Amino acid sequence: MKPSELRSKSRDELTKELESLLKAQFGLRMQLATQQLSNTSQKRKVRRDIARIRTVLREKAEQ
């Protein structure tokens, strides 16, 4: 997910996206704990997407 794509979305869309990514992150953590996660790079991608969305939300809040 690119930051330019995120900046074009509204705050509501970003918060919905953030909620879904947080749920996905929780699911990945549970899979990792039960040793069912085969692709561990997914966890890193989700974490970085969450950080990108939070950054864009902060930028929008300052404006």
PDB file of N, CA and C in Angstrom:
ATOM      1  N   MET A   1       0.839  -1.167   0.000  1.00  0.00           N
ATOM      2  CA  MET A   1       0.000   0.000   0.000  1.00  0.00           C
ATOM      3  C   MET A   1       0.892   1.241   0.000  1.00  0.00           C
ATOM      4  N   LYS A   2       0.658   2.112  -0.955  1.00  0.00           N
ATOM      5  CA  LYS A   2       1.495   3.296  -1.080  1.00  0.00           C
ATOM      6  C   LYS A   2       0.891   4.461  -0.299  1.00  0.00           C
ATOM      7  N   PRO A   3       1.741   5.339   0.242  1.00  0.00           N
ATOM      8  CA  PRO A   3       1.226   6.497   0.972  1.00  0.00           C
ATOM      9  C   PRO A   3       0.371   7.418   0.098  1.00  0.00           C
ATOM     10  N   SER A   4       0.661   7.503  -1.185  1.00  0.00           N
ATOM     11  CA  SER A   4      -0.139   8.361  -2.066  1.00  0.00           C
ATOM     12  C   SER A   4      -1.564   7.826  -2.180  1.00  0.00           C
ATOM     13  N   GLU A   5      -1.721   6.503  -2.173  1.00  0.00           N
ATOM     14  CA  GLU A   5      -3.062   5.910  -2.196  1.00  0.00           C
ATOM     15  C   GLU A   5      -3.806   6.237  -0.906  1.00  0.00           C
ATOM     16  N   LEU A   6      -3.082   6.188   0.210  1.00  0.00           N
ATOM     17  CA  LEU A   6      -3.712   6.443   1.500  1.00  0.00           C
ATOM     18  C   LEU A   6      -4.135   7.893   1.656  1.00  0.00           C
ATOM     19  N   ARG A   7      -3.339   8.809   1.130  1.00  0.00           N
ATOM     20  CA  ARG A   7      -3.663  10.230   1.269  1.00  0.00           C
ATOM     21  C   ARG A   7      -4.914  10.617   0.493  1.00  0.00           C
ATOM     22  N   SER A   8      -5.258   9.842  -0.515  1.00  0.00           N
ATOM     23  CA  SER A   8      -6.449  10.159  -1.300  1.00  0.00           C
ATOM     24  C   SER A   8      -7.730   9.663  -0.628  1.00  0.00           C
ATOM     25  N   LYS A   9      -7.604   8.831   0.401  1.00  0.00           N
ATOM     26  CA  LYS A   9      -8.776   8.291   1.097  1.00  0.00           C
ATOM     27  C   LYS A   9      -9.230   9.230   2.206  1.00  0.00           C
ATOM     28  N   SER A  10     -10.492   9.086   2.587  1.00  0.00           N
ATOM     29  CA  SER A  10     -11.024   9.910   3.677  1.00  0.00           C
ATOM     30  C   SER A  10     -10.633   9.299   5.022  1.00  0.00           C
ATOM     31  N   ARG A  11     -10.898  10.055   6.082  1.00  0.00           N
ATOM     32  CA  ARG A  11     -10.560   9.564   7.419  1.00  0.00           C
ATOM     33  C   ARG A  11     -11.349   8.312   7.768  1.00  0.00           C
ATOM     34  N   ASP A  12     -12.618   8.276   7.387  1.00  0.00           N
ATOM     35  CA  ASP A  12     -13.451   7.112   7.689  1.00  0.00           C
ATOM     36  C   ASP A  12     -12.914   5.860   6.999  1.00  0.00           C
ATOM     37  N   GLU A  13     -12.536   6.009   5.748  1.00  0.00           N
ATOM     38  CA  GLU A  13     -11.972   4.870   5.015  1.00  0.00           C
ATOM     39  C   GLU A  13     -10.668   4.396   5.652  1.00  0.00           C
ATOM     40  N   LEU A  14      -9.863   5.351   6.091  1.00  0.00           N
ATOM     41  CA  LEU A  14      -8.585   4.990   6.712  1.00  0.00           C
ATOM     42  C   LEU A  14      -8.794   4.278   8.043  1.00  0.00           C
ATOM     43  N   THR A  15      -9.765   4.731   8.832  1.00  0.00           N
ATOM     44  CA  THR A  15     -10.001   4.069  10.111  1.00  0.00           C
ATOM     45  C   THR A  15     -10.547   2.660   9.909  1.00  0.00           C
ATOM     46  N   LYS A  16     -11.394   2.469   8.890  1.00  0.00           N
ATOM     47  CA  LYS A  16     -11.889   1.128   8.596  1.00  0.00           C
ATOM     48  C   LYS A  16     -10.744   0.217   8.151  1.00  0.00           C
ATOM     49  N   GLU A  17      -9.880   0.756   7.330  1.00  0.00           N
ATOM     50  CA  GLU A  17      -8.713  -0.007   6.863  1.00  0.00           C
ATOM     51  C   GLU A  17      -7.802  -0.358   8.039  1.00  0.00           C
ATOM     52  N   LEU A  18      -7.626   0.598   8.943  1.00  0.00           N
ATOM     53  CA  LEU A  18      -6.786   0.373  10.122  1.00  0.00           C
ATOM     54  C   LEU A  18      -7.372  -0.730  10.993  1.00  0.00           C
ATOM     55  N   GLU A  19      -8.681  -0.700  11.199  1.00  0.00           N
ATOM     56  CA  GLU A  19      -9.331  -1.739  12.008  1.00  0.00           C
ATOM     57  C   GLU A  19      -9.139  -3.124  11.394  1.00  0.00           C
ATOM     58  N   SER A  20      -9.293  -3.214  10.088  1.00  0.00           N
ATOM     59  CA  SER A  20      -9.143  -4.515   9.438  1.00  0.00           C
ATOM     60  C   SER A  20      -7.697  -5.006   9.516  1.00  0.00           C
ATOM     61  N   LEU A  21      -6.743  -4.088   9.407  1.00  0.00           N
ATOM     62  CA  LEU A  21      -5.338  -4.489   9.509  1.00  0.00           C
ATOM     63  C   LEU A  21      -4.977  -4.912  10.929  1.00  0.00           C
ATOM     64  N   LEU A  22      -5.560  -4.248  11.926  1.00  0.00           N
ATOM     65  CA  LEU A  22      -5.292  -4.642  13.306  1.00  0.00           C
ATOM     66  C   LEU A  22      -5.853  -6.038  13.586  1.00  0.00           C
ATOM     67  N   LYS A  23      -7.024  -6.341  13.020  1.00  0.00           N
ATOM     68  CA  LYS A  23      -7.583  -7.688  13.176  1.00  0.00           C
ATOM     69  C   LYS A  23      -6.715  -8.716  12.462  1.00  0.00           C
ATOM     70  N   ALA A  24      -6.224  -8.346  11.290  1.00  0.00           N
ATOM     71  CA  ALA A  24      -5.341  -9.251  10.550  1.00  0.00           C
ATOM     72  C   ALA A  24      -4.049  -9.490  11.317  1.00  0.00           C
ATOM     73  N   GLN A  25      -3.526  -8.431  11.942  1.00  0.00           N
ATOM     74  CA  GLN A  25      -2.303  -8.561  12.718  1.00  0.00           C
ATOM     75  C   GLN A  25      -2.525  -9.503  13.903  1.00  0.00           C
ATOM     76  N   PHE A  26      -3.670  -9.380  14.557  1.00  0.00           N
ATOM     77  CA  PHE A  26      -3.971 -10.271  15.671  1.00  0.00           C
ATOM     78  C   PHE A  26      -4.043 -11.724  15.196  1.00  0.00           C
ATOM     79  N   GLY A  27      -4.706 -11.936  14.070  1.00  0.00           N
ATOM     80  CA  GLY A  27      -4.807 -13.281  13.521  1.00  0.00           C
ATOM     81  C   GLY A  27      -3.448 -13.867  13.174  1.00  0.00           C
ATOM     82  N   LEU A  28      -2.575 -13.040  12.619  1.00  0.00           N
ATOM     83  CA  LEU A  28      -1.226 -13.501  12.284  1.00  0.00           C
ATOM     84  C   LEU A  28      -0.427 -13.834  13.537  1.00  0.00           C
ATOM     85  N   ARG A  29      -0.611 -13.035  14.595  1.00  0.00           N
ATOM     86  CA  ARG A  29       0.077 -13.324  15.854  1.00  0.00           C
ATOM     87  C   ARG A  29      -0.378 -14.657  16.430  1.00  0.00           C
ATOM     88  N   MET A  30      -1.675 -14.927  16.336  1.00  0.00           N
ATOM     89  CA  MET A  30      -2.198 -16.198  16.850  1.00  0.00           C
ATOM     90  C   MET A  30      -1.679 -17.371  16.014  1.00  0.00           C
ATOM     91  N   GLN A  31      -1.624 -17.183  14.713  1.00  0.00           N
ATOM     92  CA  GLN A  31      -1.089 -18.239  13.854  1.00  0.00           C
ATOM     93  C   GLN A  31       0.378 -18.503  14.160  1.00  0.00           C
ATOM     94  N   LEU A  32       1.121 -17.432  14.426  1.00  0.00           N
ATOM     95  CA  LEU A  32       2.536 -17.595  14.753  1.00  0.00           C
ATOM     96  C   LEU A  32       2.695 -18.333  16.079  1.00  0.00           C
ATOM     97  N   ALA A  33       1.855 -18.013  17.048  1.00  0.00           N
ATOM     98  CA  ALA A  33       1.947 -18.645  18.359  1.00  0.00           C
ATOM     99  C   ALA A  33       1.600 -20.131  18.296  1.00  0.00           C
ATOM    100  N   THR A  34       0.684 -20.493  17.415  1.00  0.00           N
ATOM    101  CA  THR A  34       0.289 -21.898  17.297  1.00  0.00           C
ATOM    102  C   THR A  34       1.069 -22.620  16.194  1.00  0.00           C
ATOM    103  N   GLN A  35       2.060 -21.953  15.666  1.00  0.00           N
ATOM    104  CA  GLN A  35       2.947 -22.495  14.634  1.00  0.00           C
ATOM    105  C   GLN A  35       2.199 -22.909  13.379  1.00  0.00           C
ATOM    106  N   GLN A  36       1.191 -22.110  13.005  1.00  0.00           N
ATOM    107  CA  GLN A  36       0.442 -22.363  11.778  1.00  0.00           C
ATOM    108  C   GLN A  36       0.784 -21.367  10.683  1.00  0.00           C
ATOM    109  N   LEU A  37       1.589 -20.363  10.999  1.00  0.00           N
ATOM    110  CA  LEU A  37       1.929 -19.323  10.036  1.00  0.00           C
ATOM    111  C   LEU A  37       3.094 -19.802   9.169  1.00  0.00           C
ATOM    112  N   SER A  38       2.838 -19.907   7.872  1.00  0.00           N
ATOM    113  CA  SER A  38       3.891 -20.376   6.974  1.00  0.00           C
ATOM    114  C   SER A  38       4.684 -19.218   6.379  1.00  0.00           C
ATOM    115  N   ASN A  39       4.025 -18.097   6.113  1.00  0.00           N
ATOM    116  CA  ASN A  39       4.691 -16.947   5.504  1.00  0.00           C
ATOM    117  C   ASN A  39       4.835 -15.846   6.556  1.00  0.00           C
ATOM    118  N   THR A  40       5.980 -15.799   7.208  1.00  0.00           N
ATOM    119  CA  THR A  40       6.178 -14.843   8.295  1.00  0.00           C
ATOM    120  C   THR A  40       6.360 -13.414   7.807  1.00  0.00           C
ATOM    121  N   SER A  41       6.598 -13.213   6.527  1.00  0.00           N
ATOM    122  CA  SER A  41       6.782 -11.856   6.018  1.00  0.00           C
ATOM    123  C   SER A  41       5.461 -11.081   5.999  1.00  0.00           C
ATOM    124  N   GLN A  42       4.344 -11.793   6.057  1.00  0.00           N
ATOM    125  CA  GLN A  42       3.042 -11.122   6.102  1.00  0.00           C
ATOM    126  C   GLN A  42       2.934 -10.245   7.340  1.00  0.00           C
ATOM    127  N   LYS A  43       3.458 -10.733   8.441  1.00  0.00           N
ATOM    128  CA  LYS A  43       3.385  -9.999   9.700  1.00  0.00           C
ATOM    129  C   LYS A  43       4.079  -8.644   9.574  1.00  0.00           C
ATOM    130  N   ARG A  44       5.217  -8.631   8.935  1.00  0.00           N
ATOM    131  CA  ARG A  44       5.977  -7.392   8.753  1.00  0.00           C
ATOM    132  C   ARG A  44       5.240  -6.422   7.840  1.00  0.00           C
ATOM    133  N   LYS A  45       4.643  -6.941   6.752  1.00  0.00           N
ATOM    134  CA  LYS A  45       3.905  -6.090   5.817  1.00  0.00           C
ATOM    135  C   LYS A  45       2.710  -5.436   6.491  1.00  0.00           C
ATOM    136  N   VAL A  46       1.990  -6.201   7.281  1.00  0.00           N
ATOM    137  CA  VAL A  46       0.815  -5.671   7.970  1.00  0.00           C
ATOM    138  C   VAL A  46       1.237  -4.604   8.965  1.00  0.00           C
ATOM    139  N   ARG A  47       2.311  -4.863   9.704  1.00  0.00           N
ATOM    140  CA  ARG A  47       2.779  -3.898  10.692  1.00  0.00           C
ATOM    141  C   ARG A  47       3.170  -2.571  10.028  1.00  0.00           C
ATOM    142  N   ARG A  48       3.813  -2.651   8.887  1.00  0.00           N
ATOM    143  CA  ARG A  48       4.227  -1.433   8.191  1.00  0.00           C
ATOM    144  C   ARG A  48       3.038  -0.691   7.585  1.00  0.00           C
ATOM    145  N   ASP A  49       2.037  -1.434   7.097  1.00  0.00           N
ATOM    146  CA  ASP A  49       0.832  -0.789   6.583  1.00  0.00           C
ATOM    147  C   ASP A  49       0.087  -0.066   7.693  1.00  0.00           C
ATOM    148  N   ILE A  50       0.050  -0.655   8.881  1.00  0.00           N
ATOM    149  CA  ILE A  50      -0.579  -0.005  10.029  1.00  0.00           C
ATOM    150  C   ILE A  50       0.144   1.301  10.338  1.00  0.00           C
ATOM    151  N   ALA A  51       1.447   1.274  10.327  1.00  0.00           N
ATOM    152  CA  ALA A  51       2.234   2.483  10.602  1.00  0.00           C
ATOM    153  C   ALA A  51       1.986   3.548   9.547  1.00  0.00           C
ATOM    154  N   ARG A  52       1.877   3.150   8.285  1.00  0.00           N
ATOM    155  CA  ARG A  52       1.615   4.120   7.215  1.00  0.00           C
ATOM    156  C   ARG A  52       0.255   4.782   7.409  1.00  0.00           C
ATOM    157  N   ILE A  53      -0.748   3.980   7.737  1.00  0.00           N
ATOM    158  CA  ILE A  53      -2.093   4.536   7.915  1.00  0.00           C
ATOM    159  C   ILE A  53      -2.115   5.481   9.101  1.00  0.00           C
ATOM    160  N   ARG A  54      -1.478   5.103  10.196  1.00  0.00           N
ATOM    161  CA  ARG A  54      -1.448   5.983  11.371  1.00  0.00           C
ATOM    162  C   ARG A  54      -0.728   7.286  11.066  1.00  0.00           C
ATOM    163  N   THR A  55       0.320   7.227  10.268  1.00  0.00           N
ATOM    164  CA  THR A  55       1.050   8.436   9.892  1.00  0.00           C
ATOM    165  C   THR A  55       0.168   9.369   9.071  1.00  0.00           C
ATOM    166  N   VAL A  56      -0.543   8.816   8.099  1.00  0.00           N
ATOM    167  CA  VAL A  56      -1.430   9.631   7.247  1.00  0.00           C
ATOM    168  C   VAL A  56      -2.559  10.218   8.082  1.00  0.00           C
ATOM    169  N   LEU A  57      -3.097   9.439   9.031  1.00  0.00           N
ATOM    170  CA  LEU A  57      -4.164   9.964   9.891  1.00  0.00           C
ATOM    171  C   LEU A  57      -3.652  11.132  10.740  1.00  0.00           C
ATOM    172  N   ARG A  58      -2.434  11.041  11.230  1.00  0.00           N
ATOM    173  CA  ARG A  58      -1.859  12.159  11.988  1.00  0.00           C
ATOM    174  C   ARG A  58      -1.658  13.382  11.096  1.00  0.00           C
ATOM    175  N   GLU A  59      -1.211  13.159   9.861  1.00  0.00           N
ATOM    176  CA  GLU A  59      -1.042  14.277   8.936  1.00  0.00           C
ATOM    177  C   GLU A  59      -2.364  14.974   8.677  1.00  0.00           C
ATOM    178  N   LYS A  60      -3.431  14.193   8.504  1.00  0.00           N
ATOM    179  CA  LYS A  60      -4.739  14.769   8.246  1.00  0.00           C
ATOM    180  C   LYS A  60      -5.272  15.511   9.483  1.00  0.00           C
ATOM    181  N   ALA A  61      -4.937  15.040  10.674  1.00  0.00           N
ATOM    182  CA  ALA A  61      -5.398  15.676  11.899  1.00  0.00           C
ATOM    183  C   ALA A  61      -4.725  17.040  12.094  1.00  0.00           C
ATOM    184  N   GLU A  62      -3.506  17.192  11.613  1.00  0.00           N
ATOM    185  CA  GLU A  62      -2.777  18.465  11.772  1.00  0.00           C
ATOM    186  C   GLU A  62      -3.317  19.530  10.831  1.00  0.00           C
ATOM    187  N   GLN A  63      -3.931  19.118   9.745  1.00  0.00           N
ATOM    188  CA  GLN A  63      -4.398  20.093   8.754  1.00  0.00           C
ATOM    189  C   GLN A  63      -5.686  20.735   9.146  1.00  0.00           C
TER     190      GLN A  63
END
